[in-house]
Structure formats: C-alpha cells, structure tokens
N, C-alpha and C. Protein backbone atom coordinates (compact mmCIF):
# COMPACT_ATOMS: atom_id res chain seq x y z
N MET A 1 42.95 -89.93 84.74
CA MET A 1 42.36 -91.11 84.10
C MET A 1 41.14 -91.56 84.89
N PHE A 2 40.22 -92.26 84.15
CA PHE A 2 38.99 -92.75 84.74
C PHE A 2 38.75 -94.18 84.25
N THR A 3 37.69 -94.80 84.75
CA THR A 3 37.37 -96.17 84.34
C THR A 3 36.02 -96.28 83.64
N GLY A 4 35.20 -95.22 83.70
CA GLY A 4 33.86 -95.31 83.12
C GLY A 4 32.87 -96.01 84.02
N ILE A 5 33.24 -96.24 85.29
CA ILE A 5 32.32 -96.81 86.26
C ILE A 5 31.76 -95.66 87.09
N ILE A 6 30.50 -95.34 86.89
CA ILE A 6 29.88 -94.20 87.54
C ILE A 6 29.63 -94.50 89.01
N THR A 7 30.10 -93.61 89.87
CA THR A 7 29.95 -93.83 91.31
C THR A 7 28.89 -92.93 91.93
N HIS A 8 28.37 -91.97 91.15
CA HIS A 8 27.35 -91.09 91.70
C HIS A 8 26.65 -90.35 90.57
N VAL A 9 25.38 -90.05 90.77
CA VAL A 9 24.63 -89.17 89.87
C VAL A 9 24.38 -87.87 90.60
N GLY A 10 24.90 -86.78 90.05
CA GLY A 10 24.69 -85.46 90.64
C GLY A 10 23.70 -84.65 89.84
N GLN A 11 23.53 -83.40 90.26
CA GLN A 11 22.60 -82.50 89.59
C GLN A 11 23.30 -81.17 89.31
N ILE A 12 23.31 -80.75 88.04
CA ILE A 12 23.74 -79.38 87.75
C ILE A 12 22.63 -78.47 88.25
N ALA A 13 22.93 -77.71 89.30
CA ALA A 13 21.92 -76.89 89.97
C ALA A 13 21.97 -75.43 89.56
N GLU A 14 23.12 -75.00 89.04
CA GLU A 14 23.27 -73.60 88.65
C GLU A 14 24.25 -73.49 87.50
N VAL A 15 23.92 -72.68 86.51
CA VAL A 15 24.80 -72.39 85.37
C VAL A 15 24.98 -70.89 85.31
N GLN A 16 26.21 -70.44 85.48
CA GLN A 16 26.52 -69.01 85.50
C GLN A 16 27.48 -68.68 84.37
N SER A 17 27.14 -67.65 83.59
CA SER A 17 28.02 -67.23 82.51
C SER A 17 29.26 -66.56 83.06
N LEU A 18 30.40 -66.82 82.44
CA LEU A 18 31.66 -66.20 82.85
C LEU A 18 31.98 -64.95 82.05
N GLY A 19 31.06 -64.55 81.20
CA GLY A 19 31.25 -63.34 80.40
C GLY A 19 30.02 -63.07 79.57
N GLY A 20 30.09 -61.98 78.81
CA GLY A 20 28.91 -61.55 78.08
C GLY A 20 28.85 -61.96 76.63
N SER A 21 29.80 -62.79 76.17
CA SER A 21 29.80 -63.18 74.77
C SER A 21 29.91 -64.69 74.65
N SER A 22 29.74 -65.17 73.42
CA SER A 22 29.83 -66.61 73.17
C SER A 22 31.26 -67.14 73.35
N ALA A 23 32.22 -66.24 73.45
CA ALA A 23 33.61 -66.66 73.66
C ALA A 23 33.89 -67.00 75.12
N HIS A 24 32.95 -66.70 75.99
CA HIS A 24 33.13 -66.97 77.41
C HIS A 24 32.48 -68.31 77.78
N GLY A 25 33.02 -68.92 78.79
CA GLY A 25 32.51 -70.20 79.24
C GLY A 25 31.45 -70.06 80.32
N LYS A 26 31.28 -71.14 81.08
CA LYS A 26 30.26 -71.18 82.12
C LYS A 26 30.87 -71.71 83.42
N ARG A 27 30.27 -71.32 84.52
CA ARG A 27 30.58 -71.91 85.82
C ARG A 27 29.38 -72.76 86.24
N LEU A 28 29.64 -74.04 86.47
CA LEU A 28 28.58 -74.96 86.86
C LEU A 28 28.69 -75.28 88.35
N THR A 29 27.57 -75.25 89.04
CA THR A 29 27.52 -75.71 90.42
C THR A 29 26.76 -77.03 90.44
N ILE A 30 27.41 -78.06 90.95
CA ILE A 30 26.84 -79.41 90.96
C ILE A 30 26.54 -79.82 92.38
N HIS A 31 25.33 -80.31 92.61
CA HIS A 31 24.94 -80.84 93.91
C HIS A 31 25.05 -82.36 93.89
N CYS A 32 25.48 -82.93 95.01
CA CYS A 32 25.63 -84.37 95.13
C CYS A 32 25.57 -84.75 96.61
N GLU A 33 25.60 -86.04 96.88
CA GLU A 33 25.64 -86.48 98.27
C GLU A 33 26.98 -86.07 98.90
N PRO A 34 26.96 -85.54 100.12
CA PRO A 34 28.22 -85.13 100.76
C PRO A 34 29.26 -86.24 100.82
N THR A 35 28.82 -87.48 100.95
CA THR A 35 29.78 -88.59 101.04
C THR A 35 30.62 -88.73 99.77
N PHE A 36 30.10 -88.29 98.63
CA PHE A 36 30.86 -88.36 97.38
C PHE A 36 32.09 -87.46 97.43
N LEU A 37 32.03 -86.42 98.24
CA LEU A 37 33.08 -85.41 98.25
C LEU A 37 34.04 -85.52 99.43
N THR A 38 33.93 -86.57 100.22
CA THR A 38 34.74 -86.67 101.43
C THR A 38 36.24 -86.69 101.14
N ASP A 39 36.66 -87.23 100.01
CA ASP A 39 38.08 -87.28 99.68
C ASP A 39 38.44 -86.41 98.49
N VAL A 40 37.61 -85.41 98.19
CA VAL A 40 37.84 -84.51 97.06
C VAL A 40 38.41 -83.20 97.58
N GLY A 41 39.38 -82.65 96.85
CA GLY A 41 39.97 -81.36 97.21
C GLY A 41 39.95 -80.41 96.03
N LEU A 42 40.22 -79.14 96.29
CA LEU A 42 40.30 -78.15 95.21
C LEU A 42 41.37 -78.57 94.21
N GLY A 43 41.07 -78.45 92.93
CA GLY A 43 41.99 -78.83 91.88
C GLY A 43 41.89 -80.27 91.45
N ASP A 44 41.10 -81.07 92.15
CA ASP A 44 40.92 -82.47 91.76
C ASP A 44 40.12 -82.57 90.46
N SER A 45 40.29 -83.68 89.78
CA SER A 45 39.56 -83.94 88.53
C SER A 45 38.35 -84.81 88.80
N ILE A 46 37.23 -84.41 88.22
CA ILE A 46 35.99 -85.19 88.26
C ILE A 46 35.42 -85.22 86.85
N ALA A 47 35.08 -86.41 86.37
CA ALA A 47 34.44 -86.53 85.05
C ALA A 47 32.95 -86.28 85.21
N ILE A 48 32.44 -85.34 84.42
CA ILE A 48 31.02 -84.98 84.44
C ILE A 48 30.44 -85.34 83.09
N ASN A 49 29.58 -86.35 83.07
CA ASN A 49 29.06 -86.89 81.81
C ASN A 49 30.19 -87.22 80.84
N GLY A 50 31.30 -87.70 81.41
CA GLY A 50 32.41 -88.16 80.58
C GLY A 50 33.45 -87.13 80.25
N ALA A 51 33.24 -85.88 80.67
CA ALA A 51 34.21 -84.82 80.39
C ALA A 51 34.99 -84.49 81.65
N CYS A 52 36.31 -84.57 81.58
CA CYS A 52 37.16 -84.32 82.73
C CYS A 52 37.17 -82.83 83.06
N MET A 53 36.80 -82.49 84.31
CA MET A 53 36.74 -81.11 84.76
C MET A 53 37.50 -80.96 86.07
N THR A 54 37.88 -79.71 86.39
CA THR A 54 38.65 -79.41 87.59
C THR A 54 37.76 -78.73 88.62
N VAL A 55 37.81 -79.21 89.86
CA VAL A 55 37.04 -78.63 90.95
C VAL A 55 37.64 -77.27 91.30
N THR A 56 36.84 -76.19 91.17
CA THR A 56 37.33 -74.84 91.43
C THR A 56 36.80 -74.27 92.74
N SER A 57 35.71 -74.79 93.25
CA SER A 57 35.23 -74.43 94.59
C SER A 57 34.54 -75.65 95.15
N LEU A 58 34.55 -75.74 96.49
CA LEU A 58 34.11 -76.98 97.12
C LEU A 58 33.44 -76.70 98.47
N ASP A 59 32.28 -77.27 98.66
CA ASP A 59 31.60 -77.29 99.95
C ASP A 59 31.22 -78.75 100.21
N ALA A 60 32.19 -79.51 100.71
CA ALA A 60 31.99 -80.95 100.87
C ALA A 60 30.83 -81.25 101.82
N GLY A 61 30.77 -80.51 102.93
CA GLY A 61 29.70 -80.76 103.89
C GLY A 61 28.33 -80.44 103.34
N GLY A 62 28.26 -79.45 102.46
CA GLY A 62 26.99 -79.07 101.86
C GLY A 62 26.65 -79.85 100.61
N GLY A 63 27.58 -80.73 100.17
CA GLY A 63 27.32 -81.57 99.01
C GLY A 63 27.26 -80.80 97.71
N ARG A 64 28.21 -79.91 97.51
CA ARG A 64 28.22 -79.17 96.24
C ARG A 64 29.65 -78.74 95.90
N PHE A 65 29.89 -78.63 94.60
CA PHE A 65 31.17 -78.14 94.10
C PHE A 65 30.93 -77.43 92.78
N SER A 66 31.93 -76.66 92.36
CA SER A 66 31.80 -75.91 91.10
C SER A 66 32.96 -76.24 90.18
N ILE A 67 32.71 -76.10 88.90
CA ILE A 67 33.75 -76.24 87.88
C ILE A 67 33.55 -75.13 86.85
N ASP A 68 34.63 -74.72 86.23
CA ASP A 68 34.58 -73.76 85.13
C ASP A 68 34.82 -74.52 83.83
N ILE A 69 33.94 -74.30 82.85
CA ILE A 69 34.07 -74.98 81.56
C ILE A 69 34.16 -73.93 80.46
N SER A 70 35.15 -74.07 79.60
CA SER A 70 35.41 -73.08 78.56
C SER A 70 34.37 -73.17 77.44
N ALA A 71 34.31 -72.12 76.64
CA ALA A 71 33.40 -72.12 75.49
C ALA A 71 33.77 -73.23 74.52
N GLU A 72 35.08 -73.49 74.36
CA GLU A 72 35.53 -74.55 73.46
C GLU A 72 35.00 -75.90 73.93
N SER A 73 35.11 -76.17 75.23
CA SER A 73 34.61 -77.44 75.76
C SER A 73 33.09 -77.55 75.63
N LEU A 74 32.40 -76.45 75.83
CA LEU A 74 30.94 -76.46 75.67
C LEU A 74 30.55 -76.79 74.23
N ASN A 75 31.34 -76.28 73.27
CA ASN A 75 31.05 -76.53 71.86
C ASN A 75 31.32 -77.98 71.46
N LYS A 76 32.16 -78.68 72.22
CA LYS A 76 32.56 -80.03 71.86
C LYS A 76 31.87 -81.10 72.69
N THR A 77 30.95 -80.69 73.57
CA THR A 77 30.27 -81.65 74.44
C THR A 77 28.77 -81.38 74.42
N ALA A 78 28.05 -82.25 75.11
CA ALA A 78 26.58 -82.10 75.22
C ALA A 78 26.17 -82.24 76.68
N GLY A 79 25.13 -81.51 77.06
CA GLY A 79 24.54 -81.69 78.38
C GLY A 79 25.28 -81.04 79.53
N LEU A 80 26.20 -80.11 79.24
CA LEU A 80 26.98 -79.49 80.32
C LEU A 80 26.66 -78.02 80.49
N ALA A 81 25.61 -77.55 79.88
CA ALA A 81 25.24 -76.14 80.02
C ALA A 81 23.78 -75.99 80.42
N ALA A 82 23.19 -77.06 80.93
CA ALA A 82 21.78 -77.02 81.31
C ALA A 82 21.59 -77.72 82.65
N LEU A 83 20.57 -77.34 83.37
CA LEU A 83 20.27 -77.97 84.64
C LEU A 83 19.83 -79.41 84.42
N GLY A 84 20.18 -80.28 85.35
CA GLY A 84 19.74 -81.67 85.22
C GLY A 84 20.75 -82.65 85.76
N ALA A 85 20.41 -83.93 85.66
CA ALA A 85 21.23 -85.00 86.20
C ALA A 85 22.46 -85.25 85.34
N VAL A 86 23.59 -85.55 86.00
CA VAL A 86 24.84 -85.85 85.29
C VAL A 86 25.55 -87.01 86.00
N ASN A 87 26.27 -87.79 85.20
CA ASN A 87 27.09 -88.87 85.75
C ASN A 87 28.39 -88.30 86.29
N LEU A 88 28.79 -88.77 87.48
CA LEU A 88 30.01 -88.30 88.11
C LEU A 88 30.96 -89.46 88.39
N GLU A 89 32.25 -89.22 88.14
CA GLU A 89 33.28 -90.19 88.51
C GLU A 89 34.54 -89.44 88.91
N LYS A 90 35.06 -89.79 90.08
CA LYS A 90 36.33 -89.20 90.52
C LYS A 90 37.48 -89.86 89.78
N ALA A 91 38.60 -89.14 89.70
CA ALA A 91 39.77 -89.64 88.98
C ALA A 91 40.28 -90.94 89.61
N LEU A 92 40.86 -91.78 88.77
CA LEU A 92 41.36 -93.09 89.17
C LEU A 92 42.63 -92.95 90.01
N ARG A 93 42.68 -93.69 91.11
CA ARG A 93 43.92 -93.80 91.88
C ARG A 93 44.78 -94.91 91.28
N ALA A 94 46.07 -94.84 91.54
CA ALA A 94 46.99 -95.84 90.98
C ALA A 94 46.70 -97.24 91.48
N ASN A 95 46.12 -97.36 92.68
CA ASN A 95 45.85 -98.69 93.24
C ASN A 95 44.38 -99.08 93.16
N ASP A 96 43.57 -98.33 92.37
CA ASP A 96 42.16 -98.65 92.25
C ASP A 96 41.91 -99.84 91.33
N ARG A 97 40.77 -100.48 91.55
CA ARG A 97 40.34 -101.56 90.66
C ARG A 97 39.85 -100.97 89.34
N LEU A 98 40.31 -101.53 88.23
CA LEU A 98 39.92 -101.05 86.91
C LEU A 98 38.70 -101.85 86.46
N GLY A 99 37.51 -101.39 86.85
CA GLY A 99 36.31 -102.16 86.59
C GLY A 99 35.75 -101.98 85.19
N GLY A 100 36.05 -100.86 84.53
CA GLY A 100 35.54 -100.63 83.18
C GLY A 100 36.65 -100.75 82.16
N HIS A 101 37.06 -99.62 81.57
CA HIS A 101 38.23 -99.60 80.70
C HIS A 101 38.92 -98.25 80.88
N LEU A 102 40.10 -98.10 80.32
CA LEU A 102 40.83 -96.85 80.48
C LEU A 102 40.12 -95.71 79.75
N VAL A 103 39.77 -94.68 80.50
CA VAL A 103 39.03 -93.54 79.97
C VAL A 103 39.80 -92.27 80.31
N SER A 104 40.00 -91.40 79.34
CA SER A 104 40.79 -90.19 79.57
C SER A 104 39.95 -89.01 80.03
N GLY A 105 38.64 -89.06 79.78
CA GLY A 105 37.79 -87.92 80.10
C GLY A 105 37.84 -86.83 79.05
N HIS A 106 38.38 -87.15 77.86
CA HIS A 106 38.42 -86.22 76.74
C HIS A 106 37.38 -86.67 75.72
N VAL A 107 36.33 -85.90 75.57
CA VAL A 107 35.24 -86.27 74.68
C VAL A 107 35.69 -86.19 73.23
N ASP A 108 35.49 -87.28 72.48
CA ASP A 108 35.90 -87.32 71.08
C ASP A 108 34.86 -86.71 70.15
N ALA A 109 33.59 -86.87 70.49
CA ALA A 109 32.53 -86.35 69.63
C ALA A 109 31.21 -86.43 70.38
N VAL A 110 30.24 -85.73 69.84
CA VAL A 110 28.87 -85.82 70.36
C VAL A 110 28.08 -86.74 69.43
N GLY A 111 27.47 -87.77 70.00
CA GLY A 111 26.64 -88.69 69.24
C GLY A 111 25.17 -88.43 69.48
N ARG A 112 24.34 -89.18 68.76
CA ARG A 112 22.88 -89.01 68.89
C ARG A 112 22.22 -90.35 69.17
N VAL A 113 21.37 -90.38 70.19
CA VAL A 113 20.62 -91.60 70.51
C VAL A 113 19.56 -91.81 69.43
N THR A 114 19.58 -92.99 68.82
CA THR A 114 18.58 -93.31 67.79
C THR A 114 17.50 -94.25 68.31
N HIS A 115 17.80 -94.91 69.43
CA HIS A 115 16.83 -95.89 69.97
C HIS A 115 17.18 -96.16 71.42
N PHE A 116 16.15 -96.18 72.28
CA PHE A 116 16.36 -96.53 73.68
C PHE A 116 15.05 -97.14 74.21
N ALA A 117 15.07 -98.45 74.40
CA ALA A 117 13.84 -99.14 74.76
C ALA A 117 14.15 -100.42 75.53
N PRO A 118 13.22 -100.86 76.39
CA PRO A 118 13.44 -102.10 77.14
C PRO A 118 13.40 -103.33 76.24
N VAL A 119 14.27 -104.28 76.55
CA VAL A 119 14.28 -105.59 75.88
C VAL A 119 14.44 -106.63 76.99
N GLY A 120 13.33 -107.32 77.31
CA GLY A 120 13.38 -108.23 78.43
C GLY A 120 13.62 -107.46 79.71
N GLU A 121 14.57 -107.92 80.51
CA GLU A 121 14.89 -107.21 81.75
C GLU A 121 15.90 -106.09 81.53
N SER A 122 16.47 -106.01 80.33
CA SER A 122 17.50 -105.03 80.03
C SER A 122 16.95 -103.93 79.12
N TRP A 123 17.85 -103.06 78.67
CA TRP A 123 17.51 -101.97 77.76
C TRP A 123 18.48 -101.98 76.60
N GLU A 124 17.97 -101.68 75.41
CA GLU A 124 18.84 -101.53 74.25
C GLU A 124 19.02 -100.06 73.95
N LEU A 125 20.28 -99.66 73.88
CA LEU A 125 20.63 -98.28 73.55
C LEU A 125 21.39 -98.29 72.23
N ARG A 126 20.92 -97.50 71.27
CA ARG A 126 21.64 -97.34 70.01
C ARG A 126 22.06 -95.89 69.87
N VAL A 127 23.32 -95.71 69.55
CA VAL A 127 23.89 -94.37 69.43
C VAL A 127 24.56 -94.23 68.07
N LEU A 128 24.25 -93.15 67.37
CA LEU A 128 24.88 -92.87 66.09
C LEU A 128 26.10 -92.00 66.32
N ALA A 129 27.26 -92.55 66.01
CA ALA A 129 28.53 -91.83 66.15
C ALA A 129 28.89 -91.20 64.81
N PRO A 130 29.58 -90.07 64.80
CA PRO A 130 30.00 -89.44 63.54
C PRO A 130 30.88 -90.38 62.72
N PRO A 131 30.91 -90.20 61.40
CA PRO A 131 31.67 -91.11 60.52
C PRO A 131 33.14 -91.26 60.90
N ASP A 132 33.77 -90.18 61.40
CA ASP A 132 35.20 -90.28 61.68
C ASP A 132 35.52 -91.10 62.93
N LEU A 133 34.49 -91.50 63.68
CA LEU A 133 34.72 -92.38 64.82
C LEU A 133 34.48 -93.85 64.49
N ALA A 134 33.95 -94.11 63.29
CA ALA A 134 33.56 -95.48 62.93
C ALA A 134 34.71 -96.46 63.03
N ARG A 135 35.89 -96.05 62.66
CA ARG A 135 37.05 -96.95 62.64
C ARG A 135 37.45 -97.42 64.03
N TYR A 136 37.01 -96.69 65.07
CA TYR A 136 37.39 -97.05 66.43
C TYR A 136 36.35 -97.94 67.12
N LEU A 137 35.23 -98.19 66.46
CA LEU A 137 34.15 -98.95 67.07
C LEU A 137 34.15 -100.37 66.51
N ALA A 138 34.07 -101.34 67.41
CA ALA A 138 34.14 -102.74 67.00
C ALA A 138 33.23 -103.59 67.87
N TYR A 139 32.77 -104.68 67.31
CA TYR A 139 31.96 -105.66 68.05
C TYR A 139 32.72 -106.12 69.29
N LYS A 140 32.08 -106.03 70.44
CA LYS A 140 32.64 -106.38 71.75
C LYS A 140 33.72 -105.41 72.21
N GLY A 141 33.88 -104.30 71.48
CA GLY A 141 34.82 -103.27 71.91
C GLY A 141 34.17 -102.36 72.94
N SER A 142 34.95 -101.41 73.45
CA SER A 142 34.48 -100.50 74.49
C SER A 142 34.20 -99.11 73.93
N ILE A 143 33.20 -98.46 74.52
CA ILE A 143 32.91 -97.06 74.21
C ILE A 143 32.38 -96.42 75.49
N THR A 144 32.65 -95.14 75.65
CA THR A 144 32.13 -94.40 76.79
C THR A 144 31.01 -93.48 76.32
N VAL A 145 29.84 -93.62 76.94
CA VAL A 145 28.68 -92.80 76.61
C VAL A 145 28.31 -92.00 77.86
N ASN A 146 28.44 -90.68 77.76
CA ASN A 146 28.18 -89.81 78.92
C ASN A 146 28.94 -90.29 80.16
N GLY A 147 30.17 -90.74 79.92
CA GLY A 147 31.03 -91.15 81.01
C GLY A 147 30.89 -92.58 81.47
N VAL A 148 29.98 -93.35 80.87
CA VAL A 148 29.73 -94.73 81.29
C VAL A 148 30.46 -95.69 80.35
N SER A 149 31.28 -96.57 80.91
CA SER A 149 31.97 -97.59 80.12
C SER A 149 30.98 -98.67 79.69
N LEU A 150 30.86 -98.87 78.38
CA LEU A 150 29.88 -99.81 77.83
C LEU A 150 30.52 -100.67 76.75
N THR A 151 29.90 -101.82 76.51
CA THR A 151 30.39 -102.77 75.50
C THR A 151 29.48 -102.73 74.28
N VAL A 152 30.09 -102.63 73.12
CA VAL A 152 29.35 -102.58 71.86
C VAL A 152 28.91 -103.98 71.47
N ASN A 153 27.61 -104.18 71.27
CA ASN A 153 27.09 -105.49 70.89
C ASN A 153 26.92 -105.65 69.38
N ARG A 154 26.77 -104.54 68.70
CA ARG A 154 26.56 -104.60 67.25
C ARG A 154 26.88 -103.23 66.66
N ILE A 155 27.43 -103.21 65.45
CA ILE A 155 27.68 -101.96 64.76
C ILE A 155 27.08 -102.02 63.37
N ALA A 156 26.66 -100.86 62.89
CA ALA A 156 26.10 -100.75 61.54
C ALA A 156 26.59 -99.45 60.93
N ASP A 157 27.42 -99.57 59.89
CA ASP A 157 27.95 -98.39 59.22
C ASP A 157 26.95 -97.88 58.19
N GLY A 158 26.82 -96.56 58.12
CA GLY A 158 25.92 -95.94 57.15
C GLY A 158 26.45 -94.60 56.72
N ALA A 159 25.71 -93.92 55.87
CA ALA A 159 26.15 -92.64 55.34
C ALA A 159 26.28 -91.57 56.42
N GLU A 160 25.42 -91.65 57.46
CA GLU A 160 25.45 -90.65 58.52
C GLU A 160 26.48 -90.94 59.60
N GLY A 161 26.99 -92.16 59.63
CA GLY A 161 27.94 -92.52 60.65
C GLY A 161 27.83 -93.98 61.02
N CYS A 162 28.29 -94.31 62.20
CA CYS A 162 28.28 -95.69 62.68
C CYS A 162 27.32 -95.79 63.86
N GLU A 163 26.32 -96.65 63.73
CA GLU A 163 25.38 -96.87 64.82
C GLU A 163 25.85 -98.03 65.67
N ALA A 164 26.08 -97.75 66.96
CA ALA A 164 26.51 -98.77 67.91
C ALA A 164 25.34 -99.17 68.78
N SER A 165 25.11 -100.47 68.87
CA SER A 165 24.04 -101.00 69.71
C SER A 165 24.65 -101.52 71.01
N ILE A 166 24.04 -101.15 72.13
CA ILE A 166 24.59 -101.46 73.45
C ILE A 166 23.48 -101.99 74.34
N ASN A 167 23.79 -103.02 75.12
CA ASN A 167 22.83 -103.56 76.08
C ASN A 167 23.12 -102.99 77.46
N LEU A 168 22.10 -102.44 78.09
CA LEU A 168 22.24 -101.90 79.44
C LEU A 168 21.50 -102.79 80.42
N ILE A 169 22.22 -103.29 81.42
CA ILE A 169 21.56 -104.08 82.45
C ILE A 169 20.80 -103.14 83.38
N PRO A 170 19.82 -103.65 84.13
CA PRO A 170 19.03 -102.79 85.01
C PRO A 170 19.88 -101.96 85.98
N HIS A 171 20.96 -102.54 86.51
CA HIS A 171 21.80 -101.80 87.46
C HIS A 171 22.35 -100.53 86.84
N THR A 172 22.78 -100.60 85.58
CA THR A 172 23.33 -99.43 84.90
C THR A 172 22.27 -98.36 84.71
N VAL A 173 21.08 -98.79 84.30
CA VAL A 173 19.99 -97.83 84.08
C VAL A 173 19.58 -97.16 85.39
N GLU A 174 19.55 -97.94 86.46
CA GLU A 174 19.08 -97.42 87.75
C GLU A 174 20.11 -96.55 88.45
N ASN A 175 21.40 -96.71 88.14
CA ASN A 175 22.44 -96.03 88.90
C ASN A 175 23.25 -95.02 88.10
N THR A 176 22.77 -94.66 86.91
CA THR A 176 23.39 -93.61 86.12
C THR A 176 22.31 -92.71 85.54
N ALA A 177 22.75 -91.61 84.96
CA ALA A 177 21.80 -90.68 84.33
C ALA A 177 21.42 -91.12 82.92
N LEU A 178 21.89 -92.29 82.47
CA LEU A 178 21.48 -92.79 81.15
C LEU A 178 19.98 -93.06 81.10
N SER A 179 19.36 -93.27 82.24
CA SER A 179 17.92 -93.53 82.26
C SER A 179 17.12 -92.35 81.74
N ARG A 180 17.72 -91.15 81.70
CA ARG A 180 17.01 -89.95 81.21
C ARG A 180 17.08 -89.81 79.70
N LEU A 181 17.81 -90.70 79.03
CA LEU A 181 17.97 -90.58 77.58
C LEU A 181 16.70 -90.98 76.84
N SER A 182 16.59 -90.49 75.63
CA SER A 182 15.51 -90.89 74.71
C SER A 182 16.01 -90.67 73.29
N ALA A 183 15.28 -91.19 72.31
CA ALA A 183 15.67 -91.00 70.92
C ALA A 183 15.80 -89.51 70.62
N GLY A 184 16.92 -89.14 70.05
CA GLY A 184 17.20 -87.74 69.75
C GLY A 184 18.13 -87.07 70.74
N SER A 185 18.35 -87.69 71.90
CA SER A 185 19.25 -87.10 72.89
C SER A 185 20.69 -87.05 72.36
N SER A 186 21.40 -85.98 72.70
CA SER A 186 22.81 -85.87 72.37
C SER A 186 23.63 -86.43 73.53
N VAL A 187 24.69 -87.17 73.22
CA VAL A 187 25.51 -87.80 74.25
C VAL A 187 26.99 -87.60 73.94
N ASN A 188 27.79 -87.53 74.99
CA ASN A 188 29.23 -87.41 74.84
C ASN A 188 29.84 -88.79 74.62
N LEU A 189 30.70 -88.90 73.61
CA LEU A 189 31.32 -90.17 73.27
C LEU A 189 32.84 -90.07 73.40
N GLU A 190 33.42 -91.12 73.98
CA GLU A 190 34.88 -91.26 73.97
C GLU A 190 35.20 -92.67 73.53
N VAL A 191 36.03 -92.79 72.51
CA VAL A 191 36.39 -94.11 72.00
C VAL A 191 37.47 -94.73 72.87
N ASP A 192 37.70 -96.01 72.67
CA ASP A 192 38.70 -96.74 73.44
C ASP A 192 40.08 -96.14 73.23
N LEU A 193 40.78 -95.89 74.31
CA LEU A 193 42.09 -95.25 74.26
C LEU A 193 43.10 -96.07 73.46
N ILE A 194 43.08 -97.38 73.65
CA ILE A 194 44.03 -98.24 72.95
C ILE A 194 43.74 -98.24 71.45
N ALA A 195 42.45 -98.26 71.08
CA ALA A 195 42.09 -98.23 69.67
C ALA A 195 42.60 -96.96 69.00
N ARG A 196 42.56 -95.85 69.73
CA ARG A 196 43.04 -94.58 69.16
C ARG A 196 44.55 -94.65 68.86
N TYR A 197 45.31 -95.24 69.77
CA TYR A 197 46.75 -95.34 69.56
C TYR A 197 47.09 -96.33 68.45
N VAL A 198 46.35 -97.43 68.38
CA VAL A 198 46.58 -98.40 67.31
C VAL A 198 46.33 -97.75 65.95
N ALA A 199 45.23 -96.99 65.85
CA ALA A 199 44.92 -96.32 64.58
C ALA A 199 46.02 -95.35 64.19
N ARG A 200 46.55 -94.64 65.16
CA ARG A 200 47.63 -93.69 64.87
C ARG A 200 48.88 -94.42 64.38
N MET A 201 49.20 -95.54 65.01
CA MET A 201 50.39 -96.29 64.60
C MET A 201 50.22 -96.88 63.21
N MET A 202 48.99 -97.30 62.88
CA MET A 202 48.74 -97.85 61.55
C MET A 202 48.83 -96.78 60.47
N ASP A 203 48.45 -95.54 60.81
CA ASP A 203 48.44 -94.45 59.83
C ASP A 203 49.80 -93.78 59.67
N ALA A 204 50.61 -93.82 60.73
CA ALA A 204 51.89 -93.09 60.71
C ALA A 204 52.87 -93.75 59.74
N PRO A 205 53.64 -92.95 59.01
CA PRO A 205 54.64 -93.54 58.11
C PRO A 205 55.72 -94.26 58.91
N ALA A 206 56.27 -95.30 58.33
CA ALA A 206 57.33 -96.06 58.98
C ALA A 206 58.55 -95.16 59.14
N PRO A 207 59.23 -95.24 60.27
CA PRO A 207 60.43 -94.42 60.47
C PRO A 207 61.53 -94.79 59.48
N SER A 208 62.24 -93.79 59.02
CA SER A 208 63.34 -94.08 58.08
C SER A 208 64.47 -94.82 58.82
N GLN A 209 65.09 -95.71 58.12
CA GLN A 209 66.17 -96.50 58.70
C GLN A 209 67.52 -95.86 58.34
N ALA A 210 68.26 -95.51 59.39
CA ALA A 210 69.57 -94.92 59.13
C ALA A 210 70.52 -95.97 58.56
N SER A 211 71.30 -95.57 57.58
CA SER A 211 72.24 -96.53 56.97
C SER A 211 73.49 -96.67 57.82
C-alpha cells in the first residue's frame, strides 16, 4: 500500500528488453539519490509513476535499482518504457503517517492531460479519464495521477469520458514529475480505493436469505 505522497523524483536511465517479441517485458534501471534507498531491500515494493513494482536489483550506494515490468503492465500504463523523470514512493509502513489517501499502486486506466497551466501561484491540471472511471470521480474526492494523491476540484462528464480538474500547489509542481506534463500527455490513474469497493457493493446482488 501507498499514500500518494511522492518522496523522490528519480530518472529511468536504462530500458532493456527482456525478449525479442511484444510478449516480453522490460527491465528498467532507475537512478535516484542514494539516501532514498537506505532502507530498501531486494523484493521491496516501490511505486513508479503510481504503478507498484518490485525491486529486482539494488545498488543503494550508487543510487540505482532495477525492476522488471511485464508486457501486460506496459500495455496498461504510461511512461514506464521511456527514459525520463518518474515519481517514486516506497511502500507504506504500518506505523507511517497517512498524508494522502490509501493507494494500492494498481493503475486503473491511462488518462490524457487536456490542460495544464498556471493560475495565480498555483497550477490547474485537467485530466480526461475514460468513461468507465467516471462513476468513481467526485467533487472533493481523491484521485492518483502518476502516483500523486490529488483532490478533484471539478468534474465534467462528456462523451469521451470524465474530465477532472485539479489544483496543484507550487510545492507539488516543484517536488514531483508532474511539472513535465503538458496537454496531450498520458498519465496513470488510480481511483479511490474506498470508492471502488462502494461501487462493487452497490452493484452486487443482495445475498439470499436462508429460511
């Protein structure tokens, strides 16, 4: 589990194919500050742009680690097969402060940035989510964009999906890889975990009552 509070921005420095066909995944080598890895071990979970991955090799002193990502995961996410900046968050400890919201690190869909521009001292980010995620998005509700826990300020349903408007304070822009976004960028989205369970309970048939 994660909180959506980004603690470091790393760099995908190397992308290596794990095979010769589209059915094979990739091995990513991520560079970061060595201090980020002081309490990380092999097999630990790290969310990379919101997708939970397993550390498969580690050079803590050199500030780098690797993860293997399957072809299926590559097809369901964005920004994990190219060099560049990524948001990093280590898995939540049981006694950690929950500063954002409960995040599983399982990407629900890839959304598209429709607008990203400064407004006063802040920035407005608008993301178009696919239609099947619309039911999980609500005014003042939570959404994770590329691993960052954010609050929805406004929603607009349309034929293409649901556009969520989000306000980013300067600290968020300066300390995450969201600053690299622009209109047209693809982003990983994860809806609120509680909303997903509520929707399932509302849809599920009532249990039969034994006589």
